[in-house]
Amino acid sequence: MQTQNPIFEQMAKAMTEAAGAADGVRREAETVMKSQLQRLLADSDLVQREEFEAVQEMAAKARAENEELRARLEALEAKLAG
């Protein structure tokens, strides 16, 4: 006497294969989406965070230097006027 039905075995095998194929499609779609996103970001005129922070730091130093020079200039002008 047979304990398993061959139809159920074939259905189970087909479902397993379908799940494997669906997982493969999912992985392929993820790979394509990731590469498309990387290409989009590369083609965009975006600045990397490290570059932005470096320029931000340079701007802060320039502002501080500008304030210092402004104070010196005001002191010199006051000395000349005084």
PDB file of N, CA and C in Angstrom:
ATOM      1  N   MET A   1       0.831  -1.174   0.000  1.00  0.00           N
ATOM      2  CA  MET A   1       0.000   0.000   0.000  1.00  0.00           C
ATOM      3  C   MET A   1       0.881   1.245   0.000  1.00  0.00           C
ATOM      4  N   GLN A   2       0.467   2.203  -0.801  1.00  0.00           N
ATOM      5  CA  GLN A   2       1.258   3.425  -0.937  1.00  0.00           C
ATOM      6  C   GLN A   2       0.765   4.446   0.092  1.00  0.00           C
ATOM      7  N   THR A   3       1.724   5.069   0.822  1.00  0.00           N
ATOM      8  CA  THR A   3       1.341   5.998   1.881  1.00  0.00           C
ATOM      9  C   THR A   3       1.249   7.444   1.388  1.00  0.00           C
ATOM     10  N   GLN A   4       1.879   7.771   0.266  1.00  0.00           N
ATOM     11  CA  GLN A   4       1.855   9.138  -0.244  1.00  0.00           C
ATOM     12  C   GLN A   4       1.245   9.145  -1.636  1.00  0.00           C
ATOM     13  N   ASN A   5       0.487  10.175  -1.897  1.00  0.00           N
ATOM     14  CA  ASN A   5      -0.160  10.309  -3.187  1.00  0.00           C
ATOM     15  C   ASN A   5       0.814  10.981  -4.150  1.00  0.00           C
ATOM     16  N   PRO A   6       1.068  10.410  -5.330  1.00  0.00           N
ATOM     17  CA  PRO A   6       2.022  10.998  -6.264  1.00  0.00           C
ATOM     18  C   PRO A   6       1.581  12.380  -6.754  1.00  0.00           C
ATOM     19  N   ILE A   7       0.288  12.625  -6.809  1.00  0.00           N
ATOM     20  CA  ILE A   7      -0.198  13.940  -7.235  1.00  0.00           C
ATOM     21  C   ILE A   7       0.219  15.004  -6.220  1.00  0.00           C
ATOM     22  N   PHE A   8       0.066  14.674  -4.951  1.00  0.00           N
ATOM     23  CA  PHE A   8       0.469  15.630  -3.903  1.00  0.00           C
ATOM     24  C   PHE A   8       1.979  15.853  -3.910  1.00  0.00           C
ATOM     25  N   GLU A   9       2.717  14.784  -4.190  1.00  0.00           N
ATOM     26  CA  GLU A   9       4.172  14.913  -4.263  1.00  0.00           C
ATOM     27  C   GLU A   9       4.575  15.833  -5.417  1.00  0.00           C
ATOM     28  N   GLN A  10       3.932  15.662  -6.551  1.00  0.00           N
ATOM     29  CA  GLN A  10       4.231  16.508  -7.703  1.00  0.00           C
ATOM     30  C   GLN A  10       3.827  17.960  -7.435  1.00  0.00           C
ATOM     31  N   MET A  11       2.683  18.144  -6.773  1.00  0.00           N
ATOM     32  CA  MET A  11       2.249  19.502  -6.437  1.00  0.00           C
ATOM     33  C   MET A  11       3.232  20.161  -5.468  1.00  0.00           C
ATOM     34  N   ALA A  12       3.667  19.397  -4.479  1.00  0.00           N
ATOM     35  CA  ALA A  12       4.626  19.927  -3.512  1.00  0.00           C
ATOM     36  C   ALA A  12       5.940  20.272  -4.198  1.00  0.00           C
ATOM     37  N   LYS A  13       6.377  19.415  -5.114  1.00  0.00           N
ATOM     38  CA  LYS A  13       7.619  19.671  -5.850  1.00  0.00           C
ATOM     39  C   LYS A  13       7.461  20.921  -6.712  1.00  0.00           C
ATOM     40  N   ALA A  14       6.320  21.058  -7.383  1.00  0.00           N
ATOM     41  CA  ALA A  14       6.074  22.231  -8.223  1.00  0.00           C
ATOM     42  C   ALA A  14       6.040  23.508  -7.381  1.00  0.00           C
ATOM     43  N   MET A  15       5.422  23.439  -6.215  1.00  0.00           N
ATOM     44  CA  MET A  15       5.354  24.609  -5.322  1.00  0.00           C
ATOM     45  C   MET A  15       6.752  24.992  -4.827  1.00  0.00           C
ATOM     46  N   THR A  16       7.571  24.007  -4.515  1.00  0.00           N
ATOM     47  CA  THR A  16       8.938  24.272  -4.074  1.00  0.00           C
ATOM     48  C   THR A  16       9.737  24.917  -5.192  1.00  0.00           C
ATOM     49  N   GLU A  17       9.590  24.405  -6.393  1.00  0.00           N
ATOM     50  CA  GLU A  17      10.295  24.988  -7.533  1.00  0.00           C
ATOM     51  C   GLU A  17       9.803  26.401  -7.818  1.00  0.00           C
ATOM     52  N   ALA A  18       8.501  26.616  -7.697  1.00  0.00           N
ATOM     53  CA  ALA A  18       7.934  27.954  -7.927  1.00  0.00           C
ATOM     54  C   ALA A  18       8.448  28.941  -6.878  1.00  0.00           C
ATOM     55  N   ALA A  19       8.537  28.489  -5.628  1.00  0.00           N
ATOM     56  CA  ALA A  19       9.054  29.364  -4.573  1.00  0.00           C
ATOM     57  C   ALA A  19      10.518  29.703  -4.841  1.00  0.00           C
ATOM     58  N   GLY A  20      11.289  28.725  -5.291  1.00  0.00           N
ATOM     59  CA  GLY A  20      12.693  28.978  -5.624  1.00  0.00           C
ATOM     60  C   GLY A  20      12.822  29.945  -6.782  1.00  0.00           C
ATOM     61  N   ALA A  21      11.974  29.788  -7.787  1.00  0.00           N
ATOM     62  CA  ALA A  21      12.008  30.690  -8.937  1.00  0.00           C
ATOM     63  C   ALA A  21      11.599  32.101  -8.522  1.00  0.00           C
ATOM     64  N   ALA A  22      10.591  32.202  -7.668  1.00  0.00           N
ATOM     65  CA  ALA A  22      10.146  33.520  -7.189  1.00  0.00           C
ATOM     66  C   ALA A  22      11.251  34.194  -6.386  1.00  0.00           C
ATOM     67  N   ASP A  23      11.976  33.430  -5.593  1.00  0.00           N
ATOM     68  CA  ASP A  23      13.084  34.001  -4.829  1.00  0.00           C
ATOM     69  C   ASP A  23      14.186  34.478  -5.759  1.00  0.00           C
ATOM     70  N   GLY A  24      14.454  33.728  -6.809  1.00  0.00           N
ATOM     71  CA  GLY A  24      15.455  34.135  -7.794  1.00  0.00           C
ATOM     72  C   GLY A  24      15.043  35.415  -8.505  1.00  0.00           C
ATOM     73  N   VAL A  25      13.781  35.532  -8.845  1.00  0.00           N
ATOM     74  CA  VAL A  25      13.271  36.749  -9.487  1.00  0.00           C
ATOM     75  C   VAL A  25      13.387  37.926  -8.533  1.00  0.00           C
ATOM     76  N   ARG A  26      13.063  37.693  -7.258  1.00  0.00           N
ATOM     77  CA  ARG A  26      13.167  38.763  -6.256  1.00  0.00           C
ATOM     78  C   ARG A  26      14.603  39.250  -6.137  1.00  0.00           C
ATOM     79  N   ARG A  27      15.545  38.323  -6.066  1.00  0.00           N
ATOM     80  CA  ARG A  27      16.956  38.717  -5.963  1.00  0.00           C
ATOM     81  C   ARG A  27      17.425  39.464  -7.204  1.00  0.00           C
ATOM     82  N   GLU A  28      16.992  39.017  -8.369  1.00  0.00           N
ATOM     83  CA  GLU A  28      17.362  39.698  -9.618  1.00  0.00           C
ATOM     84  C   GLU A  28      16.778  41.107  -9.656  1.00  0.00           C
ATOM     85  N   ALA A  29      15.523  41.237  -9.228  1.00  0.00           N
ATOM     86  CA  ALA A  29      14.884  42.564  -9.201  1.00  0.00           C
ATOM     87  C   ALA A  29      15.612  43.491  -8.230  1.00  0.00           C
ATOM     88  N   GLU A  30      16.007  42.972  -7.078  1.00  0.00           N
ATOM     89  CA  GLU A  30      16.763  43.783  -6.116  1.00  0.00           C
ATOM     90  C   GLU A  30      18.090  44.249  -6.720  1.00  0.00           C
ATOM     91  N   THR A  31      18.770  43.362  -7.408  1.00  0.00           N
ATOM     92  CA  THR A  31      20.047  43.700  -8.029  1.00  0.00           C
ATOM     93  C   THR A  31      19.865  44.784  -9.082  1.00  0.00           C
ATOM     94  N   VAL A  32      18.843  44.639  -9.907  1.00  0.00           N
ATOM     95  CA  VAL A  32      18.585  45.631 -10.951  1.00  0.00           C
ATOM     96  C   VAL A  32      18.225  46.977 -10.324  1.00  0.00           C
ATOM     97  N   MET A  33      17.354  46.962  -9.323  1.00  0.00           N
ATOM     98  CA  MET A  33      16.945  48.208  -8.661  1.00  0.00           C
ATOM     99  C   MET A  33      18.150  48.888  -8.002  1.00  0.00           C
ATOM    100  N   LYS A  34      18.992  48.100  -7.360  1.00  0.00           N
ATOM    101  CA  LYS A  34      20.159  48.660  -6.691  1.00  0.00           C
ATOM    102  C   LYS A  34      21.119  49.292  -7.703  1.00  0.00           C
ATOM    103  N   SER A  35      21.344  48.615  -8.819  1.00  0.00           N
ATOM    104  CA  SER A  35      22.250  49.174  -9.821  1.00  0.00           C
ATOM    105  C   SER A  35      21.649  50.423 -10.467  1.00  0.00           C
ATOM    106  N   GLN A  36      20.342  50.438 -10.685  1.00  0.00           N
ATOM    107  CA  GLN A  36      19.688  51.617 -11.249  1.00  0.00           C
ATOM    108  C   GLN A  36      19.792  52.799 -10.281  1.00  0.00           C
ATOM    109  N   LEU A  37      19.588  52.541  -9.000  1.00  0.00           N
ATOM    110  CA  LEU A  37      19.684  53.602  -7.996  1.00  0.00           C
ATOM    111  C   LEU A  37      21.113  54.135  -7.901  1.00  0.00           C
ATOM    112  N   GLN A  38      22.096  53.239  -7.946  1.00  0.00           N
ATOM    113  CA  GLN A  38      23.483  53.676  -7.909  1.00  0.00           C
ATOM    114  C   GLN A  38      23.823  54.518  -9.128  1.00  0.00           C
ATOM    115  N   ARG A  39      23.324  54.125 -10.294  1.00  0.00           N
ATOM    116  CA  ARG A  39      23.573  54.906 -11.505  1.00  0.00           C
ATOM    117  C   ARG A  39      22.890  56.270 -11.419  1.00  0.00           C
ATOM    118  N   LEU A  40      21.667  56.300 -10.909  1.00  0.00           N
ATOM    119  CA  LEU A  40      20.944  57.566 -10.754  1.00  0.00           C
ATOM    120  C   LEU A  40      21.699  58.508  -9.814  1.00  0.00           C
ATOM    121  N   LEU A  41      22.177  57.976  -8.704  1.00  0.00           N
ATOM    122  CA  LEU A  41      22.927  58.805  -7.757  1.00  0.00           C
ATOM    123  C   LEU A  41      24.255  59.264  -8.345  1.00  0.00           C
ATOM    124  N   ALA A  42      24.896  58.398  -9.109  1.00  0.00           N
ATOM    125  CA  ALA A  42      26.169  58.769  -9.719  1.00  0.00           C
ATOM    126  C   ALA A  42      25.972  59.852 -10.773  1.00  0.00           C
ATOM    127  N   ASP A  43      24.866  59.777 -11.508  1.00  0.00           N
ATOM    128  CA  ASP A  43      24.595  60.767 -12.549  1.00  0.00           C
ATOM    129  C   ASP A  43      24.096  62.083 -11.973  1.00  0.00           C
ATOM    130  N   SER A  44      23.563  62.054 -10.766  1.00  0.00           N
ATOM    131  CA  SER A  44      23.073  63.278 -10.131  1.00  0.00           C
ATOM    132  C   SER A  44      24.253  64.122  -9.685  1.00  0.00           C
ATOM    133  N   ASP A  45      24.023  65.385  -9.558  1.00  0.00           N
ATOM    134  CA  ASP A  45      25.088  66.296  -9.127  1.00  0.00           C
ATOM    135  C   ASP A  45      25.017  66.447  -7.609  1.00  0.00           C
ATOM    136  N   LEU A  46      25.266  65.351  -6.916  1.00  0.00           N
ATOM    137  CA  LEU A  46      25.187  65.331  -5.463  1.00  0.00           C
ATOM    138  C   LEU A  46      26.589  65.339  -4.867  1.00  0.00           C
ATOM    139  N   VAL A  47      26.683  65.888  -3.688  1.00  0.00           N
ATOM    140  CA  VAL A  47      27.960  65.971  -2.979  1.00  0.00           C
ATOM    141  C   VAL A  47      27.978  64.880  -1.914  1.00  0.00           C
ATOM    142  N   GLN A  48      29.114  64.254  -1.759  1.00  0.00           N
ATOM    143  CA  GLN A  48      29.235  63.260  -0.697  1.00  0.00           C
ATOM    144  C   GLN A  48      29.319  63.963   0.645  1.00  0.00           C
ATOM    145  N   ARG A  49      28.896  63.266   1.678  1.00  0.00           N
ATOM    146  CA  ARG A  49      28.835  63.845   3.019  1.00  0.00           C
ATOM    147  C   ARG A  49      30.199  64.351   3.472  1.00  0.00           C
ATOM    148  N   GLU A  50      31.265  63.602   3.195  1.00  0.00           N
ATOM    149  CA  GLU A  50      32.602  63.997   3.626  1.00  0.00           C
ATOM    150  C   GLU A  50      32.998  65.330   2.972  1.00  0.00           C
ATOM    151  N   GLU A  51      32.694  65.464   1.686  1.00  0.00           N
ATOM    152  CA  GLU A  51      33.021  66.709   0.995  1.00  0.00           C
ATOM    153  C   GLU A  51      32.209  67.867   1.570  1.00  0.00           C
ATOM    154  N   PHE A  52      30.934  67.624   1.825  1.00  0.00           N
ATOM    155  CA  PHE A  52      30.075  68.663   2.379  1.00  0.00           C
ATOM    156  C   PHE A  52      30.585  69.116   3.735  1.00  0.00           C
ATOM    157  N   GLU A  53      30.936  68.166   4.588  1.00  0.00           N
ATOM    158  CA  GLU A  53      31.420  68.524   5.924  1.00  0.00           C
ATOM    159  C   GLU A  53      32.742  69.279   5.851  1.00  0.00           C
ATOM    160  N   ALA A  54      33.611  68.915   4.906  1.00  0.00           N
ATOM    161  CA  ALA A  54      34.888  69.611   4.753  1.00  0.00           C
ATOM    162  C   ALA A  54      34.653  71.059   4.325  1.00  0.00           C
ATOM    163  N   VAL A  55      33.757  71.260   3.369  1.00  0.00           N
ATOM    164  CA  VAL A  55      33.460  72.626   2.916  1.00  0.00           C
ATOM    165  C   VAL A  55      32.767  73.411   4.021  1.00  0.00           C
ATOM    166  N   GLN A  56      31.914  72.753   4.766  1.00  0.00           N
ATOM    167  CA  GLN A  56      31.226  73.414   5.879  1.00  0.00           C
ATOM    168  C   GLN A  56      32.245  73.887   6.925  1.00  0.00           C
ATOM    169  N   GLU A  57      33.230  73.052   7.202  1.00  0.00           N
ATOM    170  CA  GLU A  57      34.274  73.420   8.154  1.00  0.00           C
ATOM    171  C   GLU A  57      35.105  74.586   7.629  1.00  0.00           C
ATOM    172  N   MET A  58      35.423  74.555   6.333  1.00  0.00           N
ATOM    173  CA  MET A  58      36.182  75.657   5.738  1.00  0.00           C
ATOM    174  C   MET A  58      35.390  76.956   5.811  1.00  0.00           C
ATOM    175  N   ALA A  59      34.090  76.886   5.581  1.00  0.00           N
ATOM    176  CA  ALA A  59      33.251  78.082   5.637  1.00  0.00           C
ATOM    177  C   ALA A  59      33.195  78.636   7.057  1.00  0.00           C
ATOM    178  N   ALA A  60      33.127  77.769   8.042  1.00  0.00           N
ATOM    179  CA  ALA A  60      33.106  78.223   9.434  1.00  0.00           C
ATOM    180  C   ALA A  60      34.415  78.923   9.789  1.00  0.00           C
ATOM    181  N   LYS A  61      35.540  78.369   9.336  1.00  0.00           N
ATOM    182  CA  LYS A  61      36.835  79.005   9.593  1.00  0.00           C
ATOM    183  C   LYS A  61      36.914  80.357   8.887  1.00  0.00           C
ATOM    184  N   ALA A  62      36.408  80.427   7.669  1.00  0.00           N
ATOM    185  CA  ALA A  62      36.439  81.688   6.920  1.00  0.00           C
ATOM    186  C   ALA A  62      35.570  82.743   7.600  1.00  0.00           C
ATOM    187  N   ARG A  63      34.404  82.326   8.116  1.00  0.00           N
ATOM    188  CA  ARG A  63      33.545  83.285   8.830  1.00  0.00           C
ATOM    189  C   ARG A  63      34.235  83.803  10.090  1.00  0.00           C
ATOM    190  N   ALA A  64      34.891  82.916  10.823  1.00  0.00           N
ATOM    191  CA  ALA A  64      35.588  83.329  12.032  1.00  0.00           C
ATOM    192  C   ALA A  64      36.726  84.294  11.688  1.00  0.00           C
ATOM    193  N   GLU A  65      37.464  83.972  10.646  1.00  0.00           N
ATOM    194  CA  GLU A  65      38.551  84.850  10.218  1.00  0.00           C
ATOM    195  C   GLU A  65      37.999  86.203   9.754  1.00  0.00           C
ATOM    196  N   ASN A  66      36.886  86.181   9.066  1.00  0.00           N
ATOM    197  CA  ASN A  66      36.257  87.415   8.603  1.00  0.00           C
ATOM    198  C   ASN A  66      35.842  88.292   9.791  1.00  0.00           C
ATOM    199  N   GLU A  67      35.273  87.682  10.803  1.00  0.00           N
ATOM    200  CA  GLU A  67      34.888  88.438  11.997  1.00  0.00           C
ATOM    201  C   GLU A  67      36.113  89.044  12.686  1.00  0.00           C
ATOM    202  N   GLU A  68      37.182  88.266  12.762  1.00  0.00           N
ATOM    203  CA  GLU A  68      38.415  88.759  13.377  1.00  0.00           C
ATOM    204  C   GLU A  68      38.980  89.941  12.582  1.00  0.00           C
ATOM    205  N   LEU A  69      38.997  89.805  11.269  1.00  0.00           N
ATOM    206  CA  LEU A  69      39.506  90.896  10.430  1.00  0.00           C
ATOM    207  C   LEU A  69      38.609  92.130  10.520  1.00  0.00           C
ATOM    208  N   ARG A  70      37.309  91.930  10.617  1.00  0.00           N
ATOM    209  CA  ARG A  70      36.388  93.049  10.758  1.00  0.00           C
ATOM    210  C   ARG A  70      36.665  93.809  12.059  1.00  0.00           C
ATOM    211  N   ALA A  71      36.896  93.072  13.130  1.00  0.00           N
ATOM    212  CA  ALA A  71      37.184  93.707  14.413  1.00  0.00           C
ATOM    213  C   ALA A  71      38.501  94.487  14.336  1.00  0.00           C
ATOM    214  N   ARG A  72      39.505  93.909  13.696  1.00  0.00           N
ATOM    215  CA  ARG A  72      40.790  94.620  13.557  1.00  0.00           C
ATOM    216  C   ARG A  72      40.631  95.879  12.709  1.00  0.00           C
ATOM    217  N   LEU A  73      39.860  95.778  11.639  1.00  0.00           N
ATOM    218  CA  LEU A  73      39.637  96.927  10.774  1.00  0.00           C
ATOM    219  C   LEU A  73      38.899  98.040  11.521  1.00  0.00           C
ATOM    220  N   GLU A  74      37.875  97.658  12.278  1.00  0.00           N
ATOM    221  CA  GLU A  74      37.137  98.655  13.051  1.00  0.00           C
ATOM    222  C   GLU A  74      38.051  99.324  14.073  1.00  0.00           C
ATOM    223  N   ALA A  75      38.930  98.546  14.681  1.00  0.00           N
ATOM    224  CA  ALA A  75      39.862  99.101  15.666  1.00  0.00           C
ATOM    225  C   ALA A  75      40.819 100.081  14.987  1.00  0.00           C
ATOM    226  N   LEU A  76      41.337  99.718  13.814  1.00  0.00           N
ATOM    227  CA  LEU A  76      42.245 100.608  13.080  1.00  0.00           C
ATOM    228  C   LEU A  76      41.527 101.891  12.628  1.00  0.00           C
ATOM    229  N   GLU A  77      40.293 101.728  12.155  1.00  0.00           N
ATOM    230  CA  GLU A  77      39.535 102.922  11.730  1.00  0.00           C
ATOM    231  C   GLU A  77      39.252 103.823  12.904  1.00  0.00           C
ATOM    232  N   ALA A  78      38.944 103.255  14.047  1.00  0.00           N
ATOM    233  CA  ALA A  78      38.689 104.066  15.236  1.00  0.00           C
ATOM    234  C   ALA A  78      39.968 104.774  15.680  1.00  0.00           C
ATOM    235  N   LYS A  79      41.091 104.075  15.554  1.00  0.00           N
ATOM    236  CA  LYS A  79      42.382 104.667  15.936  1.00  0.00           C
ATOM    237  C   LYS A  79      42.731 105.828  14.998  1.00  0.00           C
ATOM    238  N   LEU A  80      42.485 105.668  13.706  1.00  0.00           N
ATOM    239  CA  LEU A  80      42.763 106.723  12.737  1.00  0.00           C
ATOM    240  C   LEU A  80      41.812 107.901  12.910  1.00  0.00           C
ATOM    241  N   ALA A  81      40.576 107.654  13.235  1.00  0.00           N
ATOM    242  CA  ALA A  81      39.593 108.726  13.405  1.00  0.00           C
ATOM    243  C   ALA A  81      39.771 109.438  14.725  1.00  0.00           C
ATOM    244  N   GLY A  82      40.321 108.761  15.661  1.00  0.00           N
ATOM    245  CA  GLY A  82      40.358 109.258  17.014  1.00  0.00           C
ATOM    246  C   GLY A  82      41.405 110.183  17.362  1.00  0.00           C
TER     247      GLY A  82
END
